[in-house]
Amino acid sequence: MRTRPLGREIAIALGFKLLALVALYIVFFGPAHRIRVTPAQMVEALSATAPR
């Protein structure tokens, strides 16, 4: 089964967009950018009073 040229172009464009989204996720939201939070830090943050 042969695909039409328009269908092939759409598939290629969607593939590039998916690749770009994955690359952006890795660059900006990947595991290297996550902050390590210990349970003690979380307790301290939750028990602190809010500034007025």
C-alpha atoms as a PDB file:
ATOM      1  CA  MET A   1       0.000   0.000   0.000  1.00  0.00           C
ATOM      2  CA  ARG A   2       1.449   3.301  -1.080  1.00  0.00           C
ATOM      3  CA  THR A   3       0.866   6.498   0.846  1.00  0.00           C
ATOM      4  CA  ARG A   4      -0.012   9.687  -0.903  1.00  0.00           C
ATOM      5  CA  PRO A   5       2.557  12.504  -0.931  1.00  0.00           C
ATOM      6  CA  LEU A   6       0.382  14.689   1.298  1.00  0.00           C
ATOM      7  CA  GLY A   7      -0.026  11.897   3.841  1.00  0.00           C
ATOM      8  CA  ARG A   8       3.729  11.302   3.862  1.00  0.00           C
ATOM      9  CA  GLU A   9       4.431  15.013   4.400  1.00  0.00           C
ATOM     10  CA  ILE A  10       1.956  15.154   7.283  1.00  0.00           C
ATOM     11  CA  ALA A  11       3.514  12.070   8.892  1.00  0.00           C
ATOM     12  CA  ILE A  12       7.003  13.561   8.580  1.00  0.00           C
ATOM     13  CA  ALA A  13       5.854  16.893  10.060  1.00  0.00           C
ATOM     14  CA  LEU A  14       4.167  15.125  12.993  1.00  0.00           C
ATOM     15  CA  GLY A  15       7.304  13.051  13.555  1.00  0.00           C
ATOM     16  CA  PHE A  16       9.493  16.155  13.712  1.00  0.00           C
ATOM     17  CA  LYS A  17       7.070  17.860  16.083  1.00  0.00           C
ATOM     18  CA  LEU A  18       7.033  14.833  18.374  1.00  0.00           C
ATOM     19  CA  LEU A  19      10.832  14.734  18.318  1.00  0.00           C
ATOM     20  CA  ALA A  20      10.971  18.453  19.170  1.00  0.00           C
ATOM     21  CA  LEU A  21       8.539  18.031  22.084  1.00  0.00           C
ATOM     22  CA  VAL A  22      10.570  15.148  23.519  1.00  0.00           C
ATOM     23  CA  ALA A  23      13.792  17.144  23.169  1.00  0.00           C
ATOM     24  CA  LEU A  24      12.256  20.175  24.909  1.00  0.00           C
ATOM     25  CA  TYR A  25      10.963  18.000  27.742  1.00  0.00           C
ATOM     26  CA  ILE A  26      14.392  16.460  28.282  1.00  0.00           C
ATOM     27  CA  VAL A  27      16.165  19.828  28.165  1.00  0.00           C
ATOM     28  CA  PHE A  28      13.811  21.752  30.469  1.00  0.00           C
ATOM     29  CA  PHE A  29      11.964  19.179  32.612  1.00  0.00           C
ATOM     30  CA  GLY A  30      14.285  16.171  32.682  1.00  0.00           C
ATOM     31  CA  PRO A  31      15.491  14.423  35.822  1.00  0.00           C
ATOM     32  CA  ALA A  32      18.687  16.503  35.881  1.00  0.00           C
ATOM     33  CA  HIS A  33      16.637  19.620  36.746  1.00  0.00           C
ATOM     34  CA  ARG A  34      14.609  18.173  39.607  1.00  0.00           C
ATOM     35  CA  ILE A  35      15.219  19.380  43.149  1.00  0.00           C
ATOM     36  CA  ARG A  36      15.878  16.749  45.806  1.00  0.00           C
ATOM     37  CA  VAL A  37      13.549  17.225  48.792  1.00  0.00           C
ATOM     38  CA  THR A  38      13.995  15.241  51.979  1.00  0.00           C
ATOM     39  CA  PRO A  39      11.102  14.440  54.320  1.00  0.00           C
ATOM     40  CA  ALA A  40      12.652  16.733  56.951  1.00  0.00           C
ATOM     41  CA  GLN A  41      12.689  19.653  54.507  1.00  0.00           C
ATOM     42  CA  MET A  42       9.058  18.999  53.600  1.00  0.00           C
ATOM     43  CA  VAL A  43       7.977  18.941  57.261  1.00  0.00           C
ATOM     44  CA  GLU A  44       9.808  22.205  57.866  1.00  0.00           C
ATOM     45  CA  ALA A  45       8.215  23.854  54.844  1.00  0.00           C
ATOM     46  CA  LEU A  46       4.706  22.690  55.729  1.00  0.00           C
ATOM     47  CA  SER A  47       4.936  23.628  59.393  1.00  0.00           C
ATOM     48  CA  ALA A  48       6.308  27.140  58.771  1.00  0.00           C
ATOM     49  CA  THR A  49       3.834  29.971  59.152  1.00  0.00           C
ATOM     50  CA  ALA A  50       2.837  31.944  56.096  1.00  0.00           C
ATOM     51  CA  PRO A  51       4.238  35.485  55.807  1.00  0.00           C
ATOM     52  CA  ARG A  52       1.744  38.268  56.404  1.00  0.00           C
END
